[in-house]
Amino acid sequence: MFTMIGLFFIILLSMILYMLYINEHAVIKNNRHHAKLEEYWDGKNRRKFARFKKALDVVYSASKKPYLKGNGRTIDISEGGMKLLLDEKHGTGTILNMKIATLSSSQFIEVEGKVVWCEEQQDKSKEIKRLFFHGIEFLAMKEPSGQHLGNLIRSISSQS
């Protein structure tokens, strides 16, 4: 008889503890504060500078091999950097000296930039040779290139 009463109390205590656990869990869940990151993650552009799609011709040379020159094309450009399509792969951290052709053929933007990422172009249906996208962060500009870049960005943004 004693074991039946003990077993009954153990079951009763287990049910009470379970109900307390469920109640506490519901209270904690309702009082939990949630951070609102939607505005940051769902924003149109999370970059420091707005990027604008514009294809511009670029002549470049790597700072370690200035005698070797290459040609490329911008995919997009901003005041802080650009996405560049090249036919050779440069490692991250590579410093490139570039001349970017502006909309008026008489001006060039001379800029020094650092490769911050590189990936191979996946859509090879149109091209025969391998092409690589490079993320370039602008490091330094000779004046009046900074003014020319600002004017270029303003004219591109007004066209968009």
N, C-alpha and C. Protein backbone atom coordinates (compact mmCIF):
# COMPACT_ATOMS: atom_id res chain seq x y z
N MET A 1 0.81 -1.17 0.00
CA MET A 1 0.00 0.00 0.00
C MET A 1 0.87 1.26 0.00
N PHE A 2 1.93 1.21 0.79
CA PHE A 2 2.84 2.36 0.88
C PHE A 2 3.47 2.66 -0.47
N THR A 3 3.80 1.62 -1.21
CA THR A 3 4.43 1.84 -2.52
C THR A 3 3.44 2.46 -3.51
N MET A 4 2.16 2.13 -3.41
CA MET A 4 1.16 2.70 -4.30
C MET A 4 0.99 4.19 -4.02
N ILE A 5 0.99 4.56 -2.74
CA ILE A 5 0.84 5.96 -2.38
C ILE A 5 2.08 6.74 -2.82
N GLY A 6 3.28 6.16 -2.61
CA GLY A 6 4.53 6.80 -3.04
C GLY A 6 4.57 6.99 -4.54
N LEU A 7 4.14 5.96 -5.27
CA LEU A 7 4.11 6.04 -6.72
C LEU A 7 3.12 7.12 -7.18
N PHE A 8 1.95 7.21 -6.54
CA PHE A 8 0.97 8.23 -6.86
C PHE A 8 1.54 9.63 -6.65
N PHE A 9 2.25 9.86 -5.52
CA PHE A 9 2.85 11.17 -5.25
C PHE A 9 3.96 11.50 -6.25
N ILE A 10 4.72 10.52 -6.64
CA ILE A 10 5.78 10.75 -7.63
C ILE A 10 5.17 11.17 -8.97
N ILE A 11 4.11 10.50 -9.39
CA ILE A 11 3.44 10.85 -10.64
C ILE A 11 2.82 12.24 -10.53
N LEU A 12 2.17 12.53 -9.38
CA LEU A 12 1.57 13.83 -9.17
C LEU A 12 2.62 14.94 -9.19
N LEU A 13 3.75 14.75 -8.52
CA LEU A 13 4.83 15.74 -8.52
C LEU A 13 5.43 15.92 -9.92
N SER A 14 5.57 14.84 -10.65
CA SER A 14 6.09 14.92 -12.02
C SER A 14 5.17 15.76 -12.91
N MET A 15 3.85 15.56 -12.75
CA MET A 15 2.90 16.33 -13.55
C MET A 15 2.94 17.81 -13.17
N ILE A 16 3.08 18.10 -11.87
CA ILE A 16 3.15 19.49 -11.42
C ILE A 16 4.42 20.16 -11.96
N LEU A 17 5.55 19.46 -11.87
CA LEU A 17 6.80 20.01 -12.39
C LEU A 17 6.74 20.22 -13.90
N TYR A 18 6.12 19.30 -14.62
CA TYR A 18 5.99 19.44 -16.06
C TYR A 18 5.13 20.65 -16.41
N MET A 19 4.02 20.85 -15.70
CA MET A 19 3.15 22.01 -15.93
C MET A 19 3.87 23.31 -15.61
N LEU A 20 4.68 23.32 -14.54
CA LEU A 20 5.46 24.52 -14.21
C LEU A 20 6.50 24.81 -15.31
N TYR A 21 7.11 23.75 -15.83
CA TYR A 21 8.10 23.92 -16.90
C TYR A 21 7.45 24.52 -18.16
N ILE A 22 6.30 23.99 -18.54
CA ILE A 22 5.59 24.49 -19.72
C ILE A 22 5.19 25.95 -19.52
N ASN A 23 4.69 26.29 -18.35
CA ASN A 23 4.28 27.65 -18.05
C ASN A 23 5.48 28.60 -18.09
N GLU A 24 6.59 28.21 -17.48
CA GLU A 24 7.80 29.05 -17.46
C GLU A 24 8.35 29.23 -18.87
N HIS A 25 8.33 28.18 -19.65
CA HIS A 25 8.82 28.25 -21.03
C HIS A 25 7.98 29.24 -21.85
N ALA A 26 6.66 29.21 -21.67
CA ALA A 26 5.77 30.14 -22.39
C ALA A 26 6.02 31.57 -21.95
N VAL A 27 6.25 31.81 -20.67
CA VAL A 27 6.51 33.17 -20.18
C VAL A 27 7.82 33.69 -20.74
N ILE A 28 8.84 32.87 -20.75
CA ILE A 28 10.15 33.28 -21.29
C ILE A 28 10.03 33.58 -22.78
N LYS A 29 9.31 32.74 -23.52
CA LYS A 29 9.16 32.93 -24.96
C LYS A 29 8.44 34.24 -25.27
N ASN A 30 7.43 34.58 -24.49
CA ASN A 30 6.67 35.81 -24.73
C ASN A 30 7.44 37.06 -24.34
N ASN A 31 8.34 36.95 -23.38
CA ASN A 31 9.07 38.12 -22.91
C ASN A 31 10.43 38.29 -23.58
N ARG A 32 10.77 37.41 -24.49
CA ARG A 32 12.07 37.47 -25.16
C ARG A 32 12.09 38.64 -26.14
N HIS A 33 13.13 39.43 -26.11
CA HIS A 33 13.26 40.57 -27.02
C HIS A 33 13.94 40.10 -28.29
N HIS A 34 13.37 40.49 -29.39
CA HIS A 34 13.92 40.12 -30.69
C HIS A 34 14.53 41.35 -31.35
N ALA A 35 15.75 41.20 -31.84
CA ALA A 35 16.39 42.30 -32.56
C ALA A 35 15.76 42.41 -33.94
N LYS A 36 15.64 43.62 -34.42
CA LYS A 36 15.07 43.84 -35.75
C LYS A 36 16.19 44.13 -36.73
N LEU A 37 16.54 43.11 -37.49
CA LEU A 37 17.58 43.24 -38.49
C LEU A 37 17.00 43.34 -39.90
N GLU A 38 15.70 43.30 -40.01
CA GLU A 38 15.10 43.30 -41.33
C GLU A 38 15.52 44.50 -42.16
N GLU A 39 15.55 45.67 -41.54
CA GLU A 39 15.89 46.87 -42.29
C GLU A 39 17.31 46.79 -42.84
N TYR A 40 18.23 46.21 -42.07
CA TYR A 40 19.60 46.09 -42.54
C TYR A 40 19.71 45.02 -43.64
N TRP A 41 19.17 43.84 -43.39
CA TRP A 41 19.34 42.74 -44.33
C TRP A 41 18.46 42.87 -45.56
N ASP A 42 17.31 43.48 -45.43
CA ASP A 42 16.42 43.61 -46.56
C ASP A 42 16.64 44.90 -47.34
N GLY A 43 17.61 45.70 -46.91
CA GLY A 43 17.84 46.97 -47.56
C GLY A 43 18.27 46.78 -49.00
N LYS A 44 18.01 47.80 -49.81
CA LYS A 44 18.35 47.72 -51.23
C LYS A 44 19.85 47.60 -51.44
N ASN A 45 20.61 48.30 -50.63
CA ASN A 45 22.05 48.29 -50.80
C ASN A 45 22.70 48.40 -49.42
N ARG A 46 23.40 47.34 -48.99
CA ARG A 46 24.01 47.34 -47.67
C ARG A 46 25.44 47.87 -47.69
N ARG A 47 25.91 48.30 -48.83
CA ARG A 47 27.28 48.79 -48.92
C ARG A 47 27.38 50.22 -48.39
N LYS A 48 28.62 50.62 -48.15
CA LYS A 48 28.88 51.98 -47.68
C LYS A 48 28.53 52.99 -48.76
N PHE A 49 28.83 52.65 -50.01
CA PHE A 49 28.53 53.52 -51.15
C PHE A 49 27.60 52.77 -52.10
N ALA A 50 26.68 53.48 -52.70
CA ALA A 50 25.77 52.88 -53.68
C ALA A 50 26.56 52.51 -54.93
N ARG A 51 26.26 51.34 -55.48
CA ARG A 51 26.92 50.90 -56.71
C ARG A 51 25.98 51.08 -57.88
N PHE A 52 26.59 51.41 -59.02
CA PHE A 52 25.82 51.64 -60.23
C PHE A 52 26.39 50.78 -61.34
N LYS A 53 25.51 50.06 -62.04
CA LYS A 53 25.95 49.21 -63.15
C LYS A 53 26.35 50.09 -64.32
N LYS A 54 27.59 49.98 -64.70
CA LYS A 54 28.10 50.75 -65.84
C LYS A 54 29.34 50.05 -66.37
N ALA A 55 29.36 49.77 -67.65
CA ALA A 55 30.51 49.15 -68.29
C ALA A 55 31.45 50.23 -68.77
N LEU A 56 32.64 50.28 -68.18
CA LEU A 56 33.67 51.24 -68.57
C LEU A 56 34.97 50.48 -68.83
N ASP A 57 35.73 50.94 -69.79
CA ASP A 57 37.02 50.31 -70.09
C ASP A 57 38.05 50.70 -69.05
N VAL A 58 38.90 49.72 -68.69
CA VAL A 58 39.94 49.93 -67.68
C VAL A 58 41.25 49.37 -68.21
N VAL A 59 42.31 50.16 -68.07
CA VAL A 59 43.67 49.71 -68.34
C VAL A 59 44.36 49.62 -66.99
N TYR A 60 45.02 48.49 -66.72
CA TYR A 60 45.59 48.31 -65.38
C TYR A 60 46.97 47.66 -65.47
N SER A 61 47.70 47.80 -64.37
CA SER A 61 48.95 47.07 -64.18
C SER A 61 49.07 46.76 -62.69
N ALA A 62 49.64 45.60 -62.40
CA ALA A 62 49.85 45.23 -61.00
C ALA A 62 51.06 45.98 -60.49
N SER A 63 51.01 46.41 -59.24
CA SER A 63 52.11 47.22 -58.71
C SER A 63 53.41 46.42 -58.62
N LYS A 64 53.32 45.09 -58.50
CA LYS A 64 54.54 44.27 -58.45
C LYS A 64 55.16 44.08 -59.82
N LYS A 65 54.34 44.20 -60.89
CA LYS A 65 54.82 44.05 -62.27
C LYS A 65 54.27 45.19 -63.12
N PRO A 66 54.76 46.40 -62.92
CA PRO A 66 54.17 47.55 -63.63
C PRO A 66 54.40 47.52 -65.14
N TYR A 67 55.34 46.73 -65.60
CA TYR A 67 55.61 46.66 -67.03
C TYR A 67 54.58 45.80 -67.77
N LEU A 68 53.82 44.97 -67.05
CA LEU A 68 52.76 44.17 -67.66
C LEU A 68 51.44 44.90 -67.52
N LYS A 69 50.84 45.20 -68.66
CA LYS A 69 49.57 45.92 -68.65
C LYS A 69 48.47 45.00 -69.16
N GLY A 70 47.25 45.26 -68.68
CA GLY A 70 46.10 44.47 -69.11
C GLY A 70 44.89 45.37 -69.28
N ASN A 71 43.87 44.82 -69.89
CA ASN A 71 42.62 45.54 -70.10
C ASN A 71 41.50 44.80 -69.40
N GLY A 72 40.53 45.56 -68.95
CA GLY A 72 39.36 44.99 -68.30
C GLY A 72 38.15 45.86 -68.51
N ARG A 73 37.06 45.47 -67.85
CA ARG A 73 35.80 46.20 -68.00
C ARG A 73 35.09 46.19 -66.66
N THR A 74 34.54 47.34 -66.28
CA THR A 74 33.81 47.40 -65.02
C THR A 74 32.42 46.78 -65.21
N ILE A 75 31.93 46.16 -64.15
CA ILE A 75 30.56 45.65 -64.12
C ILE A 75 29.70 46.66 -63.38
N ASP A 76 30.21 47.11 -62.23
CA ASP A 76 29.56 48.19 -61.50
C ASP A 76 30.64 49.03 -60.83
N ILE A 77 30.27 50.24 -60.40
CA ILE A 77 31.25 51.16 -59.84
C ILE A 77 30.58 52.01 -58.77
N SER A 78 31.37 52.40 -57.76
CA SER A 78 30.89 53.30 -56.71
C SER A 78 32.05 54.23 -56.35
N GLU A 79 31.81 55.07 -55.36
CA GLU A 79 32.86 55.98 -54.92
C GLU A 79 33.94 55.26 -54.12
N GLY A 80 33.66 54.06 -53.66
CA GLY A 80 34.63 53.33 -52.84
C GLY A 80 35.27 52.14 -53.51
N GLY A 81 34.76 51.74 -54.67
CA GLY A 81 35.32 50.57 -55.33
C GLY A 81 34.53 50.19 -56.56
N MET A 82 34.85 49.00 -57.09
CA MET A 82 34.15 48.55 -58.29
C MET A 82 34.28 47.05 -58.43
N LYS A 83 33.42 46.49 -59.28
CA LYS A 83 33.51 45.09 -59.67
C LYS A 83 34.10 45.10 -61.07
N LEU A 84 35.18 44.38 -61.24
CA LEU A 84 35.96 44.44 -62.48
C LEU A 84 36.04 43.05 -63.10
N LEU A 85 35.88 42.96 -64.40
CA LEU A 85 36.00 41.69 -65.14
C LEU A 85 37.32 41.70 -65.89
N LEU A 86 38.19 40.74 -65.55
CA LEU A 86 39.52 40.64 -66.16
C LEU A 86 39.72 39.25 -66.73
N ASP A 87 40.68 39.13 -67.66
CA ASP A 87 40.97 37.82 -68.23
C ASP A 87 42.10 37.10 -67.51
N GLU A 88 42.59 37.66 -66.42
CA GLU A 88 43.57 36.97 -65.59
C GLU A 88 43.18 37.12 -64.13
N LYS A 89 43.62 36.16 -63.33
CA LYS A 89 43.23 36.12 -61.93
C LYS A 89 44.32 36.77 -61.08
N HIS A 90 43.89 37.68 -60.20
CA HIS A 90 44.79 38.32 -59.26
C HIS A 90 44.36 37.93 -57.85
N GLY A 91 45.31 37.62 -57.01
CA GLY A 91 45.01 37.21 -55.65
C GLY A 91 44.55 38.37 -54.79
N THR A 92 43.86 38.04 -53.70
CA THR A 92 43.41 39.09 -52.79
C THR A 92 44.62 39.80 -52.20
N GLY A 93 44.51 41.09 -52.06
CA GLY A 93 45.61 41.90 -51.56
C GLY A 93 46.49 42.49 -52.66
N THR A 94 46.31 42.05 -53.89
CA THR A 94 47.09 42.59 -55.01
C THR A 94 46.70 44.05 -55.24
N ILE A 95 47.72 44.90 -55.39
CA ILE A 95 47.50 46.32 -55.65
C ILE A 95 47.55 46.54 -57.16
N LEU A 96 46.48 47.17 -57.69
CA LEU A 96 46.41 47.46 -59.11
C LEU A 96 46.40 48.96 -59.33
N ASN A 97 47.20 49.42 -60.30
CA ASN A 97 47.17 50.82 -60.75
C ASN A 97 46.29 50.84 -62.00
N MET A 98 45.22 51.62 -61.95
CA MET A 98 44.22 51.56 -63.02
C MET A 98 43.94 52.94 -63.60
N LYS A 99 43.58 52.93 -64.88
CA LYS A 99 43.05 54.11 -65.57
C LYS A 99 41.68 53.71 -66.08
N ILE A 100 40.64 54.40 -65.55
CA ILE A 100 39.26 54.10 -65.92
C ILE A 100 38.81 55.15 -66.92
N ALA A 101 38.32 54.69 -68.07
CA ALA A 101 37.80 55.61 -69.09
C ALA A 101 36.46 56.16 -68.61
N THR A 102 36.29 57.47 -68.74
CA THR A 102 35.02 58.09 -68.33
C THR A 102 34.08 58.16 -69.53
N LEU A 103 32.92 58.71 -69.30
CA LEU A 103 31.93 58.83 -70.39
C LEU A 103 32.41 59.75 -71.49
N SER A 104 33.18 60.80 -71.11
CA SER A 104 33.81 61.64 -72.12
C SER A 104 35.19 61.05 -72.38
N SER A 105 35.49 60.77 -73.59
CA SER A 105 36.71 60.04 -73.93
C SER A 105 37.99 60.80 -73.62
N SER A 106 37.90 62.06 -73.29
CA SER A 106 39.11 62.85 -73.05
C SER A 106 39.64 62.70 -71.62
N GLN A 107 38.85 62.17 -70.70
CA GLN A 107 39.28 62.08 -69.32
C GLN A 107 39.46 60.63 -68.89
N PHE A 108 40.45 60.44 -67.99
CA PHE A 108 40.67 59.15 -67.36
C PHE A 108 40.70 59.36 -65.86
N ILE A 109 40.23 58.37 -65.13
CA ILE A 109 40.33 58.39 -63.67
C ILE A 109 41.48 57.48 -63.30
N GLU A 110 42.53 58.06 -62.74
CA GLU A 110 43.68 57.27 -62.31
C GLU A 110 43.48 56.92 -60.85
N VAL A 111 43.49 55.62 -60.56
CA VAL A 111 43.20 55.16 -59.21
C VAL A 111 44.07 53.95 -58.87
N GLU A 112 44.40 53.85 -57.59
CA GLU A 112 45.10 52.68 -57.08
C GLU A 112 44.08 51.90 -56.25
N GLY A 113 43.98 50.59 -56.49
CA GLY A 113 42.99 49.79 -55.79
C GLY A 113 43.55 48.46 -55.34
N LYS A 114 42.88 47.89 -54.36
CA LYS A 114 43.29 46.60 -53.81
C LYS A 114 42.23 45.56 -54.14
N VAL A 115 42.66 44.38 -54.57
CA VAL A 115 41.74 43.28 -54.84
C VAL A 115 41.30 42.71 -53.49
N VAL A 116 39.97 42.74 -53.23
CA VAL A 116 39.47 42.22 -51.95
C VAL A 116 38.80 40.86 -52.12
N TRP A 117 38.41 40.50 -53.33
CA TRP A 117 37.91 39.17 -53.61
C TRP A 117 38.03 38.90 -55.11
N CYS A 118 38.03 37.62 -55.45
CA CYS A 118 38.14 37.20 -56.85
C CYS A 118 37.38 35.89 -57.02
N GLU A 119 36.59 35.80 -58.10
CA GLU A 119 35.91 34.55 -58.41
C GLU A 119 35.79 34.40 -59.92
N GLU A 120 35.78 33.16 -60.38
CA GLU A 120 35.70 32.90 -61.81
C GLU A 120 34.28 33.13 -62.31
N GLN A 121 34.16 33.66 -63.52
CA GLN A 121 32.86 33.87 -64.14
C GLN A 121 32.24 32.51 -64.42
N GLN A 122 30.99 32.32 -64.02
CA GLN A 122 30.33 31.03 -64.18
C GLN A 122 29.68 30.87 -65.55
N ASP A 123 29.16 31.94 -66.13
CA ASP A 123 28.49 31.88 -67.43
C ASP A 123 29.55 31.96 -68.52
N LYS A 124 29.96 30.81 -69.02
CA LYS A 124 31.02 30.76 -70.03
C LYS A 124 30.46 30.55 -71.44
N SER A 125 29.15 30.64 -71.61
CA SER A 125 28.53 30.35 -72.91
C SER A 125 28.95 31.34 -73.98
N LYS A 126 29.19 32.60 -73.62
CA LYS A 126 29.52 33.63 -74.60
C LYS A 126 31.03 33.76 -74.82
N GLU A 127 31.82 33.36 -73.85
CA GLU A 127 33.26 33.59 -73.91
C GLU A 127 34.01 32.28 -74.12
N ILE A 128 35.13 32.37 -74.81
CA ILE A 128 35.97 31.21 -75.04
C ILE A 128 37.01 31.08 -73.94
N LYS A 129 37.56 32.20 -73.51
CA LYS A 129 38.61 32.16 -72.49
C LYS A 129 38.03 32.36 -71.10
N ARG A 130 38.81 32.00 -70.10
CA ARG A 130 38.38 32.16 -68.71
C ARG A 130 38.41 33.64 -68.32
N LEU A 131 37.38 34.07 -67.62
CA LEU A 131 37.29 35.44 -67.14
C LEU A 131 37.04 35.41 -65.63
N PHE A 132 37.51 36.46 -64.94
CA PHE A 132 37.42 36.51 -63.49
C PHE A 132 36.84 37.84 -63.04
N PHE A 133 35.89 37.78 -62.11
CA PHE A 133 35.37 38.96 -61.45
C PHE A 133 36.30 39.30 -60.30
N HIS A 134 36.59 40.59 -60.12
CA HIS A 134 37.42 41.06 -59.02
C HIS A 134 36.69 42.18 -58.28
N GLY A 135 36.65 42.09 -56.99
CA GLY A 135 36.14 43.18 -56.18
C GLY A 135 37.30 44.09 -55.83
N ILE A 136 37.24 45.34 -56.22
CA ILE A 136 38.33 46.30 -56.03
C ILE A 136 37.90 47.37 -55.04
N GLU A 137 38.74 47.59 -54.04
CA GLU A 137 38.54 48.70 -53.10
C GLU A 137 39.53 49.80 -53.46
N PHE A 138 39.02 51.01 -53.68
CA PHE A 138 39.89 52.12 -54.03
C PHE A 138 40.73 52.51 -52.83
N LEU A 139 42.03 52.70 -53.06
CA LEU A 139 42.94 53.10 -51.99
C LEU A 139 43.37 54.55 -52.12
N ALA A 140 43.77 54.94 -53.32
CA ALA A 140 44.28 56.30 -53.51
C ALA A 140 43.95 56.77 -54.92
N MET A 141 43.77 58.11 -55.03
CA MET A 141 43.48 58.73 -56.33
C MET A 141 44.28 60.00 -56.45
N LYS A 142 44.81 60.23 -57.62
CA LYS A 142 45.46 61.51 -57.90
C LYS A 142 44.39 62.50 -58.30
N GLU A 143 44.50 63.71 -57.81
CA GLU A 143 43.54 64.75 -58.22
C GLU A 143 43.92 65.21 -59.62
N PRO A 144 43.03 65.47 -60.47
CA PRO A 144 41.59 65.67 -60.30
C PRO A 144 40.77 64.39 -60.48
N SER A 145 41.39 63.20 -60.36
CA SER A 145 40.64 61.96 -60.58
C SER A 145 39.50 61.80 -59.59
N GLY A 146 39.69 62.25 -58.36
CA GLY A 146 38.62 62.16 -57.37
C GLY A 146 37.40 62.95 -57.79
N GLN A 147 37.64 64.15 -58.34
CA GLN A 147 36.53 64.96 -58.83
C GLN A 147 35.88 64.31 -60.05
N HIS A 148 36.70 63.75 -60.93
CA HIS A 148 36.16 63.08 -62.11
C HIS A 148 35.30 61.88 -61.71
N LEU A 149 35.76 61.13 -60.69
CA LEU A 149 34.98 59.99 -60.23
C LEU A 149 33.64 60.44 -59.66
N GLY A 150 33.65 61.49 -58.85
CA GLY A 150 32.41 62.03 -58.31
C GLY A 150 31.46 62.47 -59.40
N ASN A 151 31.99 63.16 -60.41
CA ASN A 151 31.16 63.60 -61.54
C ASN A 151 30.60 62.40 -62.32
N LEU A 152 31.43 61.38 -62.50
CA LEU A 152 31.00 60.18 -63.21
C LEU A 152 29.86 59.49 -62.45
N ILE A 153 30.02 59.32 -61.15
CA ILE A 153 29.00 58.67 -60.33
C ILE A 153 27.69 59.46 -60.38
N ARG A 154 27.80 60.78 -60.27
CA ARG A 154 26.58 61.62 -60.33
C ARG A 154 25.88 61.49 -61.69
N SER A 155 26.65 61.47 -62.76
CA SER A 155 26.02 61.37 -64.09
C SER A 155 25.40 59.99 -64.29
N ILE A 156 26.04 58.94 -63.78
CA ILE A 156 25.47 57.59 -63.90
C ILE A 156 24.20 57.49 -63.07
N SER A 157 24.24 58.04 -61.84
CA SER A 157 23.06 57.93 -60.97
C SER A 157 21.88 58.74 -61.52
N SER A 158 22.17 59.83 -62.19
CA SER A 158 21.07 60.63 -62.76
C SER A 158 20.45 59.91 -63.98
N GLN A 159 21.23 59.09 -64.65
CA GLN A 159 20.71 58.33 -65.80
C GLN A 159 19.85 57.15 -65.34
N SER A 160 20.12 56.65 -64.12
CA SER A 160 19.40 55.45 -63.62
C SER A 160 18.00 55.78 -63.20
